[in-house]
Amino acid sequence: MTQTEKLTMLHGSGGCGYAGCIPANTRLGIPALRLQDGPLGVGDGATGVTQLPAPVAGATPGTPR
């Protein structure tokens, strides 16, 4: 990646109506990402966004005592 491409991936672009917007990089085959925040996944009923797993999905079971 060029330095400009790296900075774009880290900082994204503004003014798209989502919490974060990262434009596509067609040269590297990376699709555009539209990120929205929420306590357990996508919030505010937004559609067409990149959804990450809910935080609880990463929890590990406790050790029995």
N, C-alpha and C. Protein backbone atom coordinates (compact mmCIF):
# COMPACT_ATOMS: atom_id res chain seq x y z
N MET A 1 0.84 -1.18 0.00
CA MET A 1 0.00 0.00 0.00
C MET A 1 0.88 1.24 0.00
N THR A 2 0.41 2.23 -0.68
CA THR A 2 1.12 3.50 -0.63
C THR A 2 0.80 4.18 0.70
N GLN A 3 1.57 5.19 1.04
CA GLN A 3 1.32 5.90 2.29
C GLN A 3 -0.07 6.55 2.27
N THR A 4 -0.47 7.09 1.15
CA THR A 4 -1.80 7.71 1.03
C THR A 4 -2.89 6.67 1.25
N GLU A 5 -2.73 5.47 0.68
CA GLU A 5 -3.72 4.41 0.87
C GLU A 5 -3.81 3.98 2.33
N LYS A 6 -2.67 3.88 3.00
CA LYS A 6 -2.67 3.52 4.42
C LYS A 6 -3.39 4.56 5.26
N LEU A 7 -3.11 5.83 4.99
CA LEU A 7 -3.77 6.91 5.75
C LEU A 7 -5.27 6.92 5.50
N THR A 8 -5.68 6.66 4.28
CA THR A 8 -7.10 6.62 3.96
C THR A 8 -7.79 5.47 4.69
N MET A 9 -7.13 4.32 4.78
CA MET A 9 -7.71 3.18 5.49
C MET A 9 -7.83 3.47 6.99
N LEU A 10 -6.89 4.21 7.54
CA LEU A 10 -6.92 4.52 8.98
C LEU A 10 -7.90 5.62 9.32
N HIS A 11 -7.95 6.65 8.51
CA HIS A 11 -8.74 7.84 8.84
C HIS A 11 -10.06 7.91 8.09
N GLY A 12 -10.18 7.21 6.98
CA GLY A 12 -11.42 7.23 6.21
C GLY A 12 -11.72 8.59 5.64
N SER A 13 -12.98 8.78 5.35
CA SER A 13 -13.43 10.06 4.81
C SER A 13 -14.70 10.45 5.55
N GLY A 14 -14.99 11.71 5.59
CA GLY A 14 -16.14 12.17 6.35
C GLY A 14 -17.33 12.51 5.48
N GLY A 15 -18.41 12.86 6.15
CA GLY A 15 -19.58 13.35 5.46
C GLY A 15 -20.41 12.31 4.74
N CYS A 16 -20.46 11.08 5.27
CA CYS A 16 -21.26 10.06 4.58
C CYS A 16 -22.48 9.63 5.38
N GLY A 17 -22.68 10.17 6.58
CA GLY A 17 -23.83 9.82 7.39
C GLY A 17 -23.67 8.60 8.27
N TYR A 18 -22.48 8.05 8.32
CA TYR A 18 -22.19 6.89 9.17
C TYR A 18 -21.11 7.29 10.17
N ALA A 19 -20.87 6.43 11.15
CA ALA A 19 -19.82 6.70 12.14
C ALA A 19 -18.44 6.72 11.49
N GLY A 20 -18.24 5.92 10.48
CA GLY A 20 -16.97 5.87 9.77
C GLY A 20 -17.16 5.45 8.33
N CYS A 21 -16.43 6.06 7.44
CA CYS A 21 -16.50 5.73 6.01
C CYS A 21 -15.10 5.53 5.46
N ILE A 22 -14.86 4.36 4.93
CA ILE A 22 -13.58 4.07 4.31
C ILE A 22 -13.84 3.77 2.85
N PRO A 23 -13.33 4.60 1.94
CA PRO A 23 -13.59 4.38 0.52
C PRO A 23 -12.93 3.09 0.01
N ALA A 24 -13.48 2.56 -1.05
CA ALA A 24 -12.93 1.34 -1.66
C ALA A 24 -11.54 1.61 -2.24
N ASN A 25 -10.72 0.58 -2.23
CA ASN A 25 -9.42 0.64 -2.89
C ASN A 25 -9.46 -0.43 -3.97
N THR A 26 -9.89 -0.05 -5.16
CA THR A 26 -10.07 -1.01 -6.24
C THR A 26 -8.74 -1.61 -6.70
N ARG A 27 -7.67 -0.87 -6.55
CA ARG A 27 -6.36 -1.38 -6.95
C ARG A 27 -5.99 -2.63 -6.15
N LEU A 28 -6.38 -2.66 -4.86
CA LEU A 28 -6.05 -3.79 -3.99
C LEU A 28 -7.26 -4.71 -3.76
N GLY A 29 -8.39 -4.39 -4.36
CA GLY A 29 -9.57 -5.24 -4.21
C GLY A 29 -10.25 -5.11 -2.86
N ILE A 30 -10.10 -3.96 -2.19
CA ILE A 30 -10.72 -3.74 -0.88
C ILE A 30 -12.03 -2.98 -1.10
N PRO A 31 -13.15 -3.56 -0.64
CA PRO A 31 -14.43 -2.87 -0.83
C PRO A 31 -14.58 -1.68 0.12
N ALA A 32 -15.51 -0.81 -0.19
CA ALA A 32 -15.80 0.32 0.69
C ALA A 32 -16.40 -0.19 2.00
N LEU A 33 -16.08 0.47 3.08
CA LEU A 33 -16.61 0.10 4.39
C LEU A 33 -17.39 1.28 4.95
N ARG A 34 -18.60 1.03 5.39
CA ARG A 34 -19.41 2.05 6.07
C ARG A 34 -19.66 1.51 7.47
N LEU A 35 -19.13 2.17 8.46
CA LEU A 35 -19.17 1.68 9.83
C LEU A 35 -20.18 2.47 10.65
N GLN A 36 -20.93 1.78 11.47
CA GLN A 36 -21.90 2.41 12.36
C GLN A 36 -21.68 1.83 13.75
N ASP A 37 -21.87 2.64 14.76
CA ASP A 37 -21.64 2.17 16.12
C ASP A 37 -22.95 1.79 16.79
N GLY A 38 -22.84 1.00 17.82
CA GLY A 38 -23.97 0.57 18.61
C GLY A 38 -23.48 -0.30 19.74
N PRO A 39 -24.26 -0.46 20.80
CA PRO A 39 -23.78 -1.22 21.96
C PRO A 39 -23.58 -2.70 21.68
N LEU A 40 -24.38 -3.29 20.80
CA LEU A 40 -24.27 -4.72 20.52
C LEU A 40 -24.32 -5.00 19.03
N GLY A 41 -23.61 -4.23 18.26
CA GLY A 41 -23.63 -4.40 16.81
C GLY A 41 -24.06 -3.10 16.16
N VAL A 42 -24.70 -3.22 15.04
CA VAL A 42 -25.12 -2.04 14.30
C VAL A 42 -26.27 -1.37 15.04
N GLY A 43 -26.14 -0.08 15.28
CA GLY A 43 -27.17 0.67 15.99
C GLY A 43 -27.98 1.56 15.06
N ASP A 44 -29.01 2.13 15.58
CA ASP A 44 -29.84 3.11 14.89
C ASP A 44 -30.57 2.56 13.66
N GLY A 45 -30.71 1.26 13.53
CA GLY A 45 -31.43 0.68 12.40
C GLY A 45 -30.75 0.89 11.06
N ALA A 46 -29.45 1.20 11.05
CA ALA A 46 -28.74 1.43 9.80
C ALA A 46 -28.61 0.13 9.02
N THR A 47 -28.71 0.23 7.71
CA THR A 47 -28.53 -0.94 6.84
C THR A 47 -27.40 -0.65 5.85
N GLY A 48 -26.86 -1.69 5.26
CA GLY A 48 -25.79 -1.53 4.29
C GLY A 48 -24.47 -1.12 4.91
N VAL A 49 -24.25 -1.52 6.17
CA VAL A 49 -23.02 -1.16 6.86
C VAL A 49 -22.21 -2.41 7.15
N THR A 50 -20.94 -2.24 7.44
CA THR A 50 -20.09 -3.35 7.84
C THR A 50 -20.35 -3.63 9.31
N GLN A 51 -20.84 -4.80 9.61
CA GLN A 51 -21.20 -5.14 10.99
C GLN A 51 -20.16 -6.06 11.58
N LEU A 52 -19.71 -5.72 12.77
CA LEU A 52 -18.75 -6.54 13.50
C LEU A 52 -19.50 -7.34 14.56
N PRO A 53 -18.93 -8.43 15.06
CA PRO A 53 -19.63 -9.22 16.07
C PRO A 53 -19.90 -8.40 17.33
N ALA A 54 -20.97 -8.75 18.03
CA ALA A 54 -21.28 -8.12 19.30
C ALA A 54 -20.17 -8.43 20.29
N PRO A 55 -19.85 -7.52 21.20
CA PRO A 55 -18.77 -7.76 22.17
C PRO A 55 -18.95 -9.04 22.96
N VAL A 56 -20.19 -9.39 23.27
CA VAL A 56 -20.42 -10.60 24.06
C VAL A 56 -19.99 -11.87 23.31
N ALA A 57 -19.93 -11.81 21.98
CA ALA A 57 -19.51 -12.97 21.19
C ALA A 57 -18.05 -13.31 21.43
N GLY A 58 -17.26 -12.34 21.88
CA GLY A 58 -15.84 -12.59 22.13
C GLY A 58 -15.56 -13.03 23.56
N ALA A 59 -16.60 -13.14 24.37
CA ALA A 59 -16.41 -13.53 25.77
C ALA A 59 -16.00 -15.00 25.86
N THR A 60 -15.16 -15.29 26.80
CA THR A 60 -14.76 -16.67 27.05
C THR A 60 -15.46 -17.17 28.31
N PRO A 61 -15.84 -18.42 28.32
CA PRO A 61 -16.52 -18.94 29.51
C PRO A 61 -15.58 -18.91 30.71
N GLY A 62 -16.17 -18.70 31.86
CA GLY A 62 -15.37 -18.65 33.10
C GLY A 62 -14.86 -20.04 33.47
N THR A 63 -13.82 -20.06 34.25
CA THR A 63 -13.25 -21.30 34.73
C THR A 63 -14.03 -21.77 35.95
N PRO A 64 -14.53 -23.01 35.93
CA PRO A 64 -15.26 -23.50 37.11
C PRO A 64 -14.34 -23.55 38.33
N ARG A 65 -14.92 -23.24 39.46
CA ARG A 65 -14.09 -23.22 40.69
C ARG A 65 -14.54 -24.26 41.65
